[in-house]
């Protein structure tokens, strides 16, 4: 039997990707922190905590033992962005390709996650998987397309072929930073779109916010070395459109609650799942300031997360000086 595919992270997205890898014909070792998740997957073939209602393949073996990943031919890393460096410390000596499936920028260092991974696991080739994906749809086998980026074009193509199947179509790219920035920024913008919905500001406002948010994403991405076509593709605009309009998005749901009047702190406490945009927003604000990039929507999201009144924050955005569209 060929070497297994490893997955690190037993949340909804990690479990869905394990299902994808199993569907592509691989044995899968899924490392999860939670004992109940491991037991549920192995005993009843379900991750009831994070992905209820999906019968999981018998090719997936869940574990809490890092050594179970020692012979993996590739490992998908699906852990919250701000915990990635610590998690990757357990894989420091690995040389198998790592496919980063999380979205964010590291706080403090302001590094994109592929650079974090290079520092943490210096012997492993690094790739990034990003795009418009809701975990429950992917796990259910509904059609999905994503970007799979690696600086080495052959590696990107090989890894795309490794996980591809008719209902999960990876498009290979060599623009790693573009794939990462699209995924990180769209989470922040999805919170803003949720605020618009929760505050009852209408569909015109949400469409305008998506367009102007995409302009922010593009300005920041180009300043950090991304390609415009990547930002306009699956991992940028595609992911933004998906997560800016559905309560299946944790970030949109968080923003919707804020827009309806519930303080961000109350919405975030005691959550078992992560709205990654809440952690990314202040980091993105700092990175944008460092790069001298104007990101007013990101600034507004940060203000709301810090407790600013919704109406006053929206008024400040609407009162900005008129300008040409760019």
C-alpha atoms as a PDB file:
ATOM      1  CA  UNK A   1       0.000   0.000   0.000  1.00  0.00           C
ATOM      2  CA  UNK A   2       1.270   3.515  -0.807  1.00  0.00           C
ATOM      3  CA  UNK A   3       2.167   5.943   1.969  1.00  0.00           C
ATOM      4  CA  UNK A   4      -0.813   7.706   3.571  1.00  0.00           C
ATOM      5  CA  UNK A   5      -1.849  11.326   3.314  1.00  0.00           C
ATOM      6  CA  UNK A   6      -1.617  13.140   6.648  1.00  0.00           C
ATOM      7  CA  UNK A   7      -4.045  15.786   7.881  1.00  0.00           C
ATOM      8  CA  UNK A   8      -3.361  17.943  10.943  1.00  0.00           C
ATOM      9  CA  UNK A   9      -6.511  19.415  12.438  1.00  0.00           C
ATOM     10  CA  UNK A  10      -9.789  17.716  13.293  1.00  0.00           C
ATOM     11  CA  UNK A  11     -12.153  20.631  12.772  1.00  0.00           C
ATOM     12  CA  UNK A  12     -14.744  20.805   9.998  1.00  0.00           C
ATOM     13  CA  UNK A  13     -12.267  21.787   7.266  1.00  0.00           C
ATOM     14  CA  UNK A  14      -9.590  19.301   8.273  1.00  0.00           C
ATOM     15  CA  UNK A  15     -12.168  16.518   8.380  1.00  0.00           C
ATOM     16  CA  UNK A  16     -13.588  17.530   5.005  1.00  0.00           C
ATOM     17  CA  UNK A  17     -10.114  17.485   3.466  1.00  0.00           C
ATOM     18  CA  UNK A  18      -9.478  14.058   4.973  1.00  0.00           C
ATOM     19  CA  UNK A  19     -12.662  12.922   3.225  1.00  0.00           C
ATOM     20  CA  UNK A  20     -11.378  14.429  -0.035  1.00  0.00           C
ATOM     21  CA  UNK A  21      -8.045  12.619   0.267  1.00  0.00           C
ATOM     22  CA  UNK A  22      -9.824   9.350   1.040  1.00  0.00           C
ATOM     23  CA  UNK A  23     -12.098   9.882  -1.962  1.00  0.00           C
ATOM     24  CA  UNK A  24      -9.000  10.312  -4.125  1.00  0.00           C
ATOM     25  CA  UNK A  25      -7.985   6.775  -3.143  1.00  0.00           C
ATOM     26  CA  UNK A  26      -5.550   7.369  -0.294  1.00  0.00           C
ATOM     27  CA  UNK A  27      -5.283   6.021   3.215  1.00  0.00           C
ATOM     28  CA  UNK A  28      -5.551   9.044   5.512  1.00  0.00           C
ATOM     29  CA  UNK A  29      -4.150   9.709   8.980  1.00  0.00           C
ATOM     30  CA  UNK A  30      -5.984  12.570  10.646  1.00  0.00           C
ATOM     31  CA  UNK A  31      -4.337  14.077  13.725  1.00  0.00           C
ATOM     32  CA  UNK A  32      -6.794  15.813  16.036  1.00  0.00           C
ATOM     33  CA  UNK A  33      -6.295  17.471  19.404  1.00  0.00           C
ATOM     34  CA  UNK A  34      -9.700  16.467  20.779  1.00  0.00           C
ATOM     35  CA  UNK A  35     -10.116  12.942  22.132  1.00  0.00           C
ATOM     36  CA  UNK A  36     -13.863  12.955  21.397  1.00  0.00           C
ATOM     37  CA  UNK A  37     -13.194  13.781  17.756  1.00  0.00           C
ATOM     38  CA  UNK A  38     -10.685  10.934  17.422  1.00  0.00           C
ATOM     39  CA  UNK A  39     -13.043   8.466  19.073  1.00  0.00           C
ATOM     40  CA  UNK A  40     -16.032   9.559  16.998  1.00  0.00           C
ATOM     41  CA  UNK A  41     -14.212   9.254  13.681  1.00  0.00           C
ATOM     42  CA  UNK A  42     -12.738   5.857  14.493  1.00  0.00           C
ATOM     43  CA  UNK A  43     -15.758   4.350  16.220  1.00  0.00           C
ATOM     44  CA  UNK A  44     -18.828   5.717  14.428  1.00  0.00           C
ATOM     45  CA  UNK A  45     -17.276   7.346  11.312  1.00  0.00           C
ATOM     46  CA  UNK A  46     -18.534  10.812  12.185  1.00  0.00           C
ATOM     47  CA  UNK A  47     -17.050  14.036  13.534  1.00  0.00           C
ATOM     48  CA  UNK A  48     -20.147  14.983  15.484  1.00  0.00           C
ATOM     49  CA  UNK A  49     -18.485  17.990  17.134  1.00  0.00           C
ATOM     50  CA  UNK A  50     -17.477  19.828  13.955  1.00  0.00           C
ATOM     51  CA  UNK A  51     -18.986  18.114  10.902  1.00  0.00           C
ATOM     52  CA  UNK A  52     -22.172  16.346  12.017  1.00  0.00           C
ATOM     53  CA  UNK A  53     -24.246  14.303   9.630  1.00  0.00           C
ATOM     54  CA  UNK A  54     -21.418  13.280   7.293  1.00  0.00           C
ATOM     55  CA  UNK A  55     -20.479   9.599   7.147  1.00  0.00           C
ATOM     56  CA  UNK A  56     -16.691   9.489   6.905  1.00  0.00           C
ATOM     57  CA  UNK A  57     -14.653   7.076   4.825  1.00  0.00           C
ATOM     58  CA  UNK A  58     -13.183   4.011   6.499  1.00  0.00           C
ATOM     59  CA  UNK A  59      -9.888   4.989   4.869  1.00  0.00           C
ATOM     60  CA  UNK A  60      -9.581   7.762   7.502  1.00  0.00           C
ATOM     61  CA  UNK A  61      -7.827   6.857  10.742  1.00  0.00           C
ATOM     62  CA  UNK A  62      -7.914   9.524  13.445  1.00  0.00           C
ATOM     63  CA  UNK A  63      -5.132   9.784  16.002  1.00  0.00           C
ATOM     64  CA  UNK A  64      -3.577  11.931  18.718  1.00  0.00           C
ATOM     65  CA  UNK A  65      -0.147  10.435  18.058  1.00  0.00           C
ATOM     66  CA  UNK A  66       2.218  12.602  16.026  1.00  0.00           C
ATOM     67  CA  UNK A  67       4.311   9.573  15.086  1.00  0.00           C
ATOM     68  CA  UNK A  68       1.395   8.297  12.990  1.00  0.00           C
ATOM     69  CA  UNK A  69       2.310  10.967  10.429  1.00  0.00           C
ATOM     70  CA  UNK A  70       5.948   9.895  10.138  1.00  0.00           C
ATOM     71  CA  UNK A  71       5.496   8.054   6.830  1.00  0.00           C
ATOM     72  CA  UNK A  72       2.987  10.438   5.235  1.00  0.00           C
ATOM     73  CA  UNK A  73       3.701  11.303   1.598  1.00  0.00           C
ATOM     74  CA  UNK A  74       2.175  14.767   2.099  1.00  0.00           C
ATOM     75  CA  UNK A  75       0.535  16.486   5.073  1.00  0.00           C
ATOM     76  CA  UNK A  76      -2.346  18.955   4.917  1.00  0.00           C
ATOM     77  CA  UNK A  77      -2.054  21.501   7.743  1.00  0.00           C
ATOM     78  CA  UNK A  78      -5.488  22.680   8.852  1.00  0.00           C
ATOM     79  CA  UNK A  79      -4.956  24.499  12.134  1.00  0.00           C
ATOM     80  CA  UNK A  80      -5.817  28.091  13.156  1.00  0.00           C
ATOM     81  CA  UNK A  81      -3.307  30.542  11.716  1.00  0.00           C
ATOM     82  CA  UNK A  82      -2.135  31.896  15.060  1.00  0.00           C
ATOM     83  CA  UNK A  83      -1.363  28.361  16.300  1.00  0.00           C
ATOM     84  CA  UNK A  84       0.376  27.159  13.159  1.00  0.00           C
ATOM     85  CA  UNK A  85       3.966  27.767  14.264  1.00  0.00           C
ATOM     86  CA  UNK A  86       3.458  25.850  17.518  1.00  0.00           C
ATOM     87  CA  UNK A  87       1.710  22.965  15.767  1.00  0.00           C
ATOM     88  CA  UNK A  88       4.394  22.719  13.099  1.00  0.00           C
ATOM     89  CA  UNK A  89       6.987  22.370  15.839  1.00  0.00           C
ATOM     90  CA  UNK A  90       5.818  18.763  16.137  1.00  0.00           C
ATOM     91  CA  UNK A  91       6.780  18.197  12.481  1.00  0.00           C
ATOM     92  CA  UNK A  92      10.127  19.988  12.494  1.00  0.00           C
ATOM     93  CA  UNK A  93      12.112  17.063  11.051  1.00  0.00           C
ATOM     94  CA  UNK A  94       9.628  16.128   8.326  1.00  0.00           C
ATOM     95  CA  UNK A  95      10.612  16.369   4.675  1.00  0.00           C
ATOM     96  CA  UNK A  96       7.287  15.469   3.055  1.00  0.00           C
ATOM     97  CA  UNK A  97       5.423  18.353   1.360  1.00  0.00           C
ATOM     98  CA  UNK A  98       3.212  20.424   3.642  1.00  0.00           C
ATOM     99  CA  UNK A  99      -0.008  21.818   2.167  1.00  0.00           C
ATOM    100  CA  UNK A 100      -1.170  24.793   4.248  1.00  0.00           C
ATOM    101  CA  UNK A 101      -4.965  25.003   4.317  1.00  0.00           C
ATOM    102  CA  UNK A 102      -5.418  27.767   6.908  1.00  0.00           C
ATOM    103  CA  UNK A 103      -5.962  31.446   6.171  1.00  0.00           C
ATOM    104  CA  UNK A 104      -4.309  34.293   8.013  1.00  0.00           C
ATOM    105  CA  UNK A 105      -1.149  36.271   8.793  1.00  0.00           C
ATOM    106  CA  UNK A 106       0.969  35.554  11.854  1.00  0.00           C
ATOM    107  CA  UNK A 107       0.595  38.132  14.620  1.00  0.00           C
ATOM    108  CA  UNK A 108       3.788  39.800  15.753  1.00  0.00           C
ATOM    109  CA  UNK A 109       5.938  38.777  12.802  1.00  0.00           C
ATOM    110  CA  UNK A 110       3.341  39.779  10.141  1.00  0.00           C
ATOM    111  CA  UNK A 111       4.578  36.787   8.140  1.00  0.00           C
ATOM    112  CA  UNK A 112       2.394  34.919   5.657  1.00  0.00           C
ATOM    113  CA  UNK A 113       1.874  31.337   6.728  1.00  0.00           C
ATOM    114  CA  UNK A 114       4.148  29.792   4.107  1.00  0.00           C
ATOM    115  CA  UNK A 115       7.071  31.742   5.574  1.00  0.00           C
ATOM    116  CA  UNK A 116       6.082  30.608   9.065  1.00  0.00           C
ATOM    117  CA  UNK A 117       6.103  27.020   7.796  1.00  0.00           C
ATOM    118  CA  UNK A 118       9.515  27.438   6.174  1.00  0.00           C
ATOM    119  CA  UNK A 119      10.960  28.569   9.477  1.00  0.00           C
ATOM    120  CA  UNK A 120       9.223  25.866  11.486  1.00  0.00           C
ATOM    121  CA  UNK A 121       9.852  22.914   9.132  1.00  0.00           C
ATOM    122  CA  UNK A 122      12.910  23.916   7.069  1.00  0.00           C
ATOM    123  CA  UNK A 123      13.257  20.589   5.237  1.00  0.00           C
ATOM    124  CA  UNK A 124       9.728  20.375   3.842  1.00  0.00           C
ATOM    125  CA  UNK A 125       8.482  21.735   0.509  1.00  0.00           C
ATOM    126  CA  UNK A 126       5.573  24.138   1.148  1.00  0.00           C
ATOM    127  CA  UNK A 127       2.323  24.568  -0.764  1.00  0.00           C
ATOM    128  CA  UNK A 128      -0.923  26.449  -0.088  1.00  0.00           C
ATOM    129  CA  UNK A 129      -4.513  25.340  -0.732  1.00  0.00           C
ATOM    130  CA  UNK A 130      -7.136  28.086  -0.757  1.00  0.00           C
ATOM    131  CA  UNK A 131     -10.431  28.909  -2.416  1.00  0.00           C
ATOM    132  CA  UNK A 132     -14.209  29.162  -2.046  1.00  0.00           C
ATOM    133  CA  UNK A 133     -15.028  26.207   0.175  1.00  0.00           C
ATOM    134  CA  UNK A 134     -17.616  25.422   2.802  1.00  0.00           C
ATOM    135  CA  UNK A 135     -16.482  22.295   4.623  1.00  0.00           C
ATOM    136  CA  UNK A 136     -19.876  20.598   4.740  1.00  0.00           C
ATOM    137  CA  UNK A 137     -20.305  20.921   0.965  1.00  0.00           C
ATOM    138  CA  UNK A 138     -16.824  19.574   0.272  1.00  0.00           C
ATOM    139  CA  UNK A 139     -17.342  16.640   2.636  1.00  0.00           C
ATOM    140  CA  UNK A 140     -20.691  15.876   0.999  1.00  0.00           C
ATOM    141  CA  UNK A 141     -19.004  15.635  -2.398  1.00  0.00           C
ATOM    142  CA  UNK A 142     -20.536  18.766  -3.932  1.00  0.00           C
ATOM    143  CA  UNK A 143     -18.529  20.335  -6.803  1.00  0.00           C
ATOM    144  CA  UNK A 144     -15.673  22.545  -5.576  1.00  0.00           C
ATOM    145  CA  UNK A 145     -12.688  24.276  -7.192  1.00  0.00           C
ATOM    146  CA  UNK A 146      -9.647  25.602  -5.332  1.00  0.00           C
ATOM    147  CA  UNK A 147      -6.194  27.055  -5.921  1.00  0.00           C
ATOM    148  CA  UNK A 148      -3.200  24.911  -4.987  1.00  0.00           C
ATOM    149  CA  UNK A 149      -0.055  27.032  -5.081  1.00  0.00           C
ATOM    150  CA  UNK A 150       3.631  26.220  -4.713  1.00  0.00           C
ATOM    151  CA  UNK A 151       6.643  28.160  -5.946  1.00  0.00           C
ATOM    152  CA  UNK A 152       7.769  25.020  -7.805  1.00  0.00           C
ATOM    153  CA  UNK A 153       5.304  24.520 -10.665  1.00  0.00           C
ATOM    154  CA  UNK A 154       5.932  20.770 -10.805  1.00  0.00           C
ATOM    155  CA  UNK A 155       5.239  20.422  -7.075  1.00  0.00           C
ATOM    156  CA  UNK A 156       1.991  22.384  -7.424  1.00  0.00           C
ATOM    157  CA  UNK A 157       0.878  20.156 -10.286  1.00  0.00           C
ATOM    158  CA  UNK A 158       1.845  16.943  -8.480  1.00  0.00           C
ATOM    159  CA  UNK A 159       0.010  17.914  -5.282  1.00  0.00           C
ATOM    160  CA  UNK A 160      -3.048  19.028  -7.237  1.00  0.00           C
ATOM    161  CA  UNK A 161      -3.151  15.629  -8.921  1.00  0.00           C
ATOM    162  CA  UNK A 162      -2.729  13.916  -5.549  1.00  0.00           C
ATOM    163  CA  UNK A 163      -6.041  15.219  -4.149  1.00  0.00           C
ATOM    164  CA  UNK A 164      -8.040  15.853  -7.318  1.00  0.00           C
ATOM    165  CA  UNK A 165     -11.267  14.059  -8.127  1.00  0.00           C
ATOM    166  CA  UNK A 166     -14.269  14.980 -10.290  1.00  0.00           C
ATOM    167  CA  UNK A 167     -15.982  16.965  -7.525  1.00  0.00           C
ATOM    168  CA  UNK A 168     -12.798  18.546  -6.109  1.00  0.00           C
ATOM    169  CA  UNK A 169     -10.802  20.386  -8.753  1.00  0.00           C
ATOM    170  CA  UNK A 170      -7.501  22.064  -7.733  1.00  0.00           C
ATOM    171  CA  UNK A 171      -6.019  24.628 -10.129  1.00  0.00           C
ATOM    172  CA  UNK A 172      -2.220  24.742  -9.846  1.00  0.00           C
ATOM    173  CA  UNK A 173      -0.440  28.069  -9.380  1.00  0.00           C
ATOM    174  CA  UNK A 174       3.021  29.341  -8.505  1.00  0.00           C
ATOM    175  CA  UNK A 175       1.690  32.490  -6.758  1.00  0.00           C
ATOM    176  CA  UNK A 176       1.866  31.359  -3.150  1.00  0.00           C
ATOM    177  CA  UNK A 177       1.617  34.835  -1.614  1.00  0.00           C
ATOM    178  CA  UNK A 178      -1.386  35.708  -3.786  1.00  0.00           C
ATOM    179  CA  UNK A 179      -3.249  32.575  -2.745  1.00  0.00           C
ATOM    180  CA  UNK A 180      -2.514  33.296   0.910  1.00  0.00           C
ATOM    181  CA  UNK A 181      -3.424  36.990   0.881  1.00  0.00           C
ATOM    182  CA  UNK A 182      -6.751  36.372  -0.827  1.00  0.00           C
ATOM    183  CA  UNK A 183      -7.731  33.842   1.816  1.00  0.00           C
ATOM    184  CA  UNK A 184      -6.613  36.023   4.718  1.00  0.00           C
ATOM    185  CA  UNK A 185      -8.185  39.289   3.604  1.00  0.00           C
ATOM    186  CA  UNK A 186     -11.529  37.816   2.537  1.00  0.00           C
ATOM    187  CA  UNK A 187     -12.151  36.613   6.103  1.00  0.00           C
ATOM    188  CA  UNK A 188     -11.968  40.201   7.365  1.00  0.00           C
ATOM    189  CA  UNK A 189     -14.165  41.463   4.540  1.00  0.00           C
ATOM    190  CA  UNK A 190     -16.726  38.718   5.245  1.00  0.00           C
ATOM    191  CA  UNK A 191     -17.140  40.129   8.755  1.00  0.00           C
ATOM    192  CA  UNK A 192     -17.847  43.543   7.235  1.00  0.00           C
ATOM    193  CA  UNK A 193     -20.433  42.052   4.865  1.00  0.00           C
ATOM    194  CA  UNK A 194     -22.100  40.327   7.795  1.00  0.00           C
ATOM    195  CA  UNK A 195     -22.307  43.664   9.622  1.00  0.00           C
ATOM    196  CA  UNK A 196     -24.075  45.180   6.613  1.00  0.00           C
ATOM    197  CA  UNK A 197     -26.576  42.318   6.632  1.00  0.00           C
ATOM    198  CA  UNK A 198     -27.114  42.380  10.389  1.00  0.00           C
ATOM    199  CA  UNK A 199     -27.628  46.141  10.378  1.00  0.00           C
ATOM    200  CA  UNK A 200     -30.233  45.867   7.601  1.00  0.00           C
ATOM    201  CA  UNK A 201     -28.372  48.117   5.163  1.00  0.00           C
ATOM    202  CA  UNK A 202     -29.516  46.255   2.058  1.00  0.00           C
ATOM    203  CA  UNK A 203     -28.124  44.418  -0.928  1.00  0.00           C
ATOM    204  CA  UNK A 204     -26.792  47.558  -2.660  1.00  0.00           C
ATOM    205  CA  UNK A 205     -24.552  48.239   0.314  1.00  0.00           C
ATOM    206  CA  UNK A 206     -23.319  44.665   0.436  1.00  0.00           C
ATOM    207  CA  UNK A 207     -22.474  44.664  -3.284  1.00  0.00           C
ATOM    208  CA  UNK A 208     -20.608  47.942  -2.893  1.00  0.00           C
ATOM    209  CA  UNK A 209     -18.737  46.569   0.087  1.00  0.00           C
ATOM    210  CA  UNK A 210     -17.680  43.443  -1.823  1.00  0.00           C
ATOM    211  CA  UNK A 211     -16.378  45.576  -4.695  1.00  0.00           C
ATOM    212  CA  UNK A 212     -14.549  48.072  -2.506  1.00  0.00           C
ATOM    213  CA  UNK A 213     -13.285  45.261  -0.293  1.00  0.00           C
ATOM    214  CA  UNK A 214     -11.852  43.535  -3.339  1.00  0.00           C
ATOM    215  CA  UNK A 215     -10.077  46.796  -4.171  1.00  0.00           C
ATOM    216  CA  UNK A 216      -8.526  46.702  -0.674  1.00  0.00           C
ATOM    217  CA  UNK A 217      -7.486  43.088  -1.150  1.00  0.00           C
ATOM    218  CA  UNK A 218      -5.894  43.940  -4.480  1.00  0.00           C
ATOM    219  CA  UNK A 219      -3.984  46.973  -3.175  1.00  0.00           C
ATOM    220  CA  UNK A 220      -2.588  45.014  -0.266  1.00  0.00           C
ATOM    221  CA  UNK A 221      -1.835  41.929  -2.338  1.00  0.00           C
ATOM    222  CA  UNK A 222       0.051  43.822  -5.021  1.00  0.00           C
ATOM    223  CA  UNK A 223       2.048  45.647  -2.350  1.00  0.00           C
ATOM    224  CA  UNK A 224       3.098  42.270  -0.925  1.00  0.00           C
ATOM    225  CA  UNK A 225       4.069  40.791  -4.299  1.00  0.00           C
ATOM    226  CA  UNK A 226       0.897  38.940  -5.309  1.00  0.00           C
ATOM    227  CA  UNK A 227      -0.322  38.713  -8.886  1.00  0.00           C
ATOM    228  CA  UNK A 228      -3.523  40.518  -9.833  1.00  0.00           C
ATOM    229  CA  UNK A 229      -4.875  37.457 -11.672  1.00  0.00           C
ATOM    230  CA  UNK A 230      -4.512  35.313  -8.537  1.00  0.00           C
ATOM    231  CA  UNK A 231      -6.424  37.832  -6.451  1.00  0.00           C
ATOM    232  CA  UNK A 232      -9.155  37.883  -9.104  1.00  0.00           C
ATOM    233  CA  UNK A 233      -9.327  34.083  -9.077  1.00  0.00           C
ATOM    234  CA  UNK A 234     -10.611  31.327  -6.828  1.00  0.00           C
ATOM    235  CA  UNK A 235      -8.500  32.111  -3.770  1.00  0.00           C
ATOM    236  CA  UNK A 236      -9.316  35.834  -3.821  1.00  0.00           C
ATOM    237  CA  UNK A 237     -12.501  37.106  -5.421  1.00  0.00           C
ATOM    238  CA  UNK A 238     -14.041  33.639  -5.578  1.00  0.00           C
ATOM    239  CA  UNK A 239     -13.602  33.052  -1.867  1.00  0.00           C
ATOM    240  CA  UNK A 240     -14.767  36.588  -1.057  1.00  0.00           C
ATOM    241  CA  UNK A 241     -18.030  36.129  -2.978  1.00  0.00           C
ATOM    242  CA  UNK A 242     -18.757  32.864  -1.153  1.00  0.00           C
ATOM    243  CA  UNK A 243     -18.058  34.015   2.373  1.00  0.00           C
ATOM    244  CA  UNK A 244     -19.629  37.457   2.069  1.00  0.00           C
ATOM    245  CA  UNK A 245     -23.155  36.195   1.564  1.00  0.00           C
ATOM    246  CA  UNK A 246     -23.868  33.106   3.654  1.00  0.00           C
ATOM    247  CA  UNK A 247     -24.428  32.292   7.299  1.00  0.00           C
ATOM    248  CA  UNK A 248     -22.451  29.104   6.635  1.00  0.00           C
ATOM    249  CA  UNK A 249     -19.446  31.432   6.897  1.00  0.00           C
ATOM    250  CA  UNK A 250     -18.326  31.828  10.514  1.00  0.00           C
ATOM    251  CA  UNK A 251     -16.911  35.258   9.679  1.00  0.00           C
ATOM    252  CA  UNK A 252     -20.120  36.466   8.009  1.00  0.00           C
ATOM    253  CA  UNK A 253     -22.149  35.145  10.953  1.00  0.00           C
ATOM    254  CA  UNK A 254     -19.914  36.984  13.414  1.00  0.00           C
ATOM    255  CA  UNK A 255     -20.368  40.232  11.492  1.00  0.00           C
ATOM    256  CA  UNK A 256     -24.102  39.698  11.248  1.00  0.00           C
ATOM    257  CA  UNK A 257     -24.315  39.391  15.014  1.00  0.00           C
ATOM    258  CA  UNK A 258     -22.279  42.568  15.472  1.00  0.00           C
ATOM    259  CA  UNK A 259     -24.471  44.404  12.964  1.00  0.00           C
ATOM    260  CA  UNK A 260     -27.585  43.295  14.840  1.00  0.00           C
ATOM    261  CA  UNK A 261     -26.222  44.830  18.038  1.00  0.00           C
ATOM    262  CA  UNK A 262     -24.439  42.051  19.952  1.00  0.00           C
ATOM    263  CA  UNK A 263     -20.932  43.026  21.136  1.00  0.00           C
ATOM    264  CA  UNK A 264     -18.120  41.196  19.381  1.00  0.00           C
ATOM    265  CA  UNK A 265     -16.662  40.016  22.692  1.00  0.00           C
ATOM    266  CA  UNK A 266     -19.925  38.279  23.603  1.00  0.00           C
ATOM    267  CA  UNK A 267     -20.105  36.577  20.201  1.00  0.00           C
ATOM    268  CA  UNK A 268     -16.523  35.347  20.379  1.00  0.00           C
ATOM    269  CA  UNK A 269     -16.441  33.965  23.910  1.00  0.00           C
ATOM    270  CA  UNK A 270     -16.788  30.217  24.430  1.00  0.00           C
ATOM    271  CA  UNK A 271     -16.782  29.434  20.700  1.00  0.00           C
ATOM    272  CA  UNK A 272     -15.474  25.990  19.813  1.00  0.00           C
ATOM    273  CA  UNK A 273     -14.998  27.010  16.179  1.00  0.00           C
ATOM    274  CA  UNK A 274     -12.789  29.888  15.016  1.00  0.00           C
ATOM    275  CA  UNK A 275     -13.886  32.972  13.058  1.00  0.00           C
ATOM    276  CA  UNK A 276     -10.398  33.481  11.674  1.00  0.00           C
ATOM    277  CA  UNK A 277     -11.107  37.007  10.438  1.00  0.00           C
ATOM    278  CA  UNK A 278     -11.428  38.267  14.009  1.00  0.00           C
ATOM    279  CA  UNK A 279      -7.802  37.290  14.643  1.00  0.00           C
ATOM    280  CA  UNK A 280      -6.577  38.406  11.226  1.00  0.00           C
ATOM    281  CA  UNK A 281      -8.136  41.894  11.240  1.00  0.00           C
ATOM    282  CA  UNK A 282      -5.736  43.620  13.680  1.00  0.00           C
ATOM    283  CA  UNK A 283      -2.754  41.833  12.124  1.00  0.00           C
ATOM    284  CA  UNK A 284      -3.867  42.899   8.648  1.00  0.00           C
ATOM    285  CA  UNK A 285      -4.315  46.492   9.848  1.00  0.00           C
ATOM    286  CA  UNK A 286      -0.746  46.506  11.149  1.00  0.00           C
ATOM    287  CA  UNK A 287       0.632  44.902   7.982  1.00  0.00           C
ATOM    288  CA  UNK A 288      -1.246  47.394   5.799  1.00  0.00           C
ATOM    289  CA  UNK A 289       0.128  50.330   7.785  1.00  0.00           C
ATOM    290  CA  UNK A 290       3.633  48.897   7.426  1.00  0.00           C
ATOM    291  CA  UNK A 291       3.129  48.676   3.647  1.00  0.00           C
ATOM    292  CA  UNK A 292       1.444  52.150   3.474  1.00  0.00           C
ATOM    293  CA  UNK A 293      -1.736  50.609   2.019  1.00  0.00           C
ATOM    294  CA  UNK A 294      -5.092  52.278   2.699  1.00  0.00           C
ATOM    295  CA  UNK A 295      -7.623  49.697   3.963  1.00  0.00           C
ATOM    296  CA  UNK A 296     -10.610  51.582   5.424  1.00  0.00           C
ATOM    297  CA  UNK A 297     -12.937  48.561   5.563  1.00  0.00           C
ATOM    298  CA  UNK A 298     -10.328  46.609   7.509  1.00  0.00           C
ATOM    299  CA  UNK A 299      -9.951  49.588   9.860  1.00  0.00           C
ATOM    300  CA  UNK A 300     -13.713  49.624  10.388  1.00  0.00           C
ATOM    301  CA  UNK A 301     -13.835  45.902  11.159  1.00  0.00           C
ATOM    302  CA  UNK A 302     -11.058  46.348  13.725  1.00  0.00           C
ATOM    303  CA  UNK A 303     -12.975  49.184  15.358  1.00  0.00           C
ATOM    304  CA  UNK A 304     -16.123  47.052  15.592  1.00  0.00           C
ATOM    305  CA  UNK A 305     -14.210  44.116  17.054  1.00  0.00           C
ATOM    306  CA  UNK A 306     -12.789  46.515  19.642  1.00  0.00           C
ATOM    307  CA  UNK A 307     -16.306  47.607  20.651  1.00  0.00           C
ATOM    308  CA  UNK A 308     -16.977  50.707  18.536  1.00  0.00           C
ATOM    309  CA  UNK A 309     -20.669  51.479  17.885  1.00  0.00           C
ATOM    310  CA  UNK A 310     -21.953  50.071  14.612  1.00  0.00           C
ATOM    311  CA  UNK A 311     -23.798  53.197  13.446  1.00  0.00           C
ATOM    312  CA  UNK A 312     -20.904  55.545  14.139  1.00  0.00           C
ATOM    313  CA  UNK A 313     -18.422  53.224  12.456  1.00  0.00           C
ATOM    314  CA  UNK A 314     -20.565  52.938   9.322  1.00  0.00           C
ATOM    315  CA  UNK A 315     -21.081  56.712   9.273  1.00  0.00           C
ATOM    316  CA  UNK A 316     -17.313  57.235   9.305  1.00  0.00           C
ATOM    317  CA  UNK A 317     -16.928  54.939   6.300  1.00  0.00           C
ATOM    318  CA  UNK A 318     -19.710  56.698   4.388  1.00  0.00           C
ATOM    319  CA  UNK A 319     -18.269  60.136   5.203  1.00  0.00           C
ATOM    320  CA  UNK A 320     -14.885  59.486   3.608  1.00  0.00           C
ATOM    321  CA  UNK A 321     -13.963  61.990   0.881  1.00  0.00           C
ATOM    322  CA  UNK A 322     -15.154  61.154  -2.626  1.00  0.00           C
ATOM    323  CA  UNK A 323     -12.466  59.776  -4.941  1.00  0.00           C
ATOM    324  CA  UNK A 324     -11.964  58.109  -8.283  1.00  0.00           C
ATOM    325  CA  UNK A 325     -12.658  54.373  -8.441  1.00  0.00           C
ATOM    326  CA  UNK A 326      -9.392  52.430  -8.120  1.00  0.00           C
END
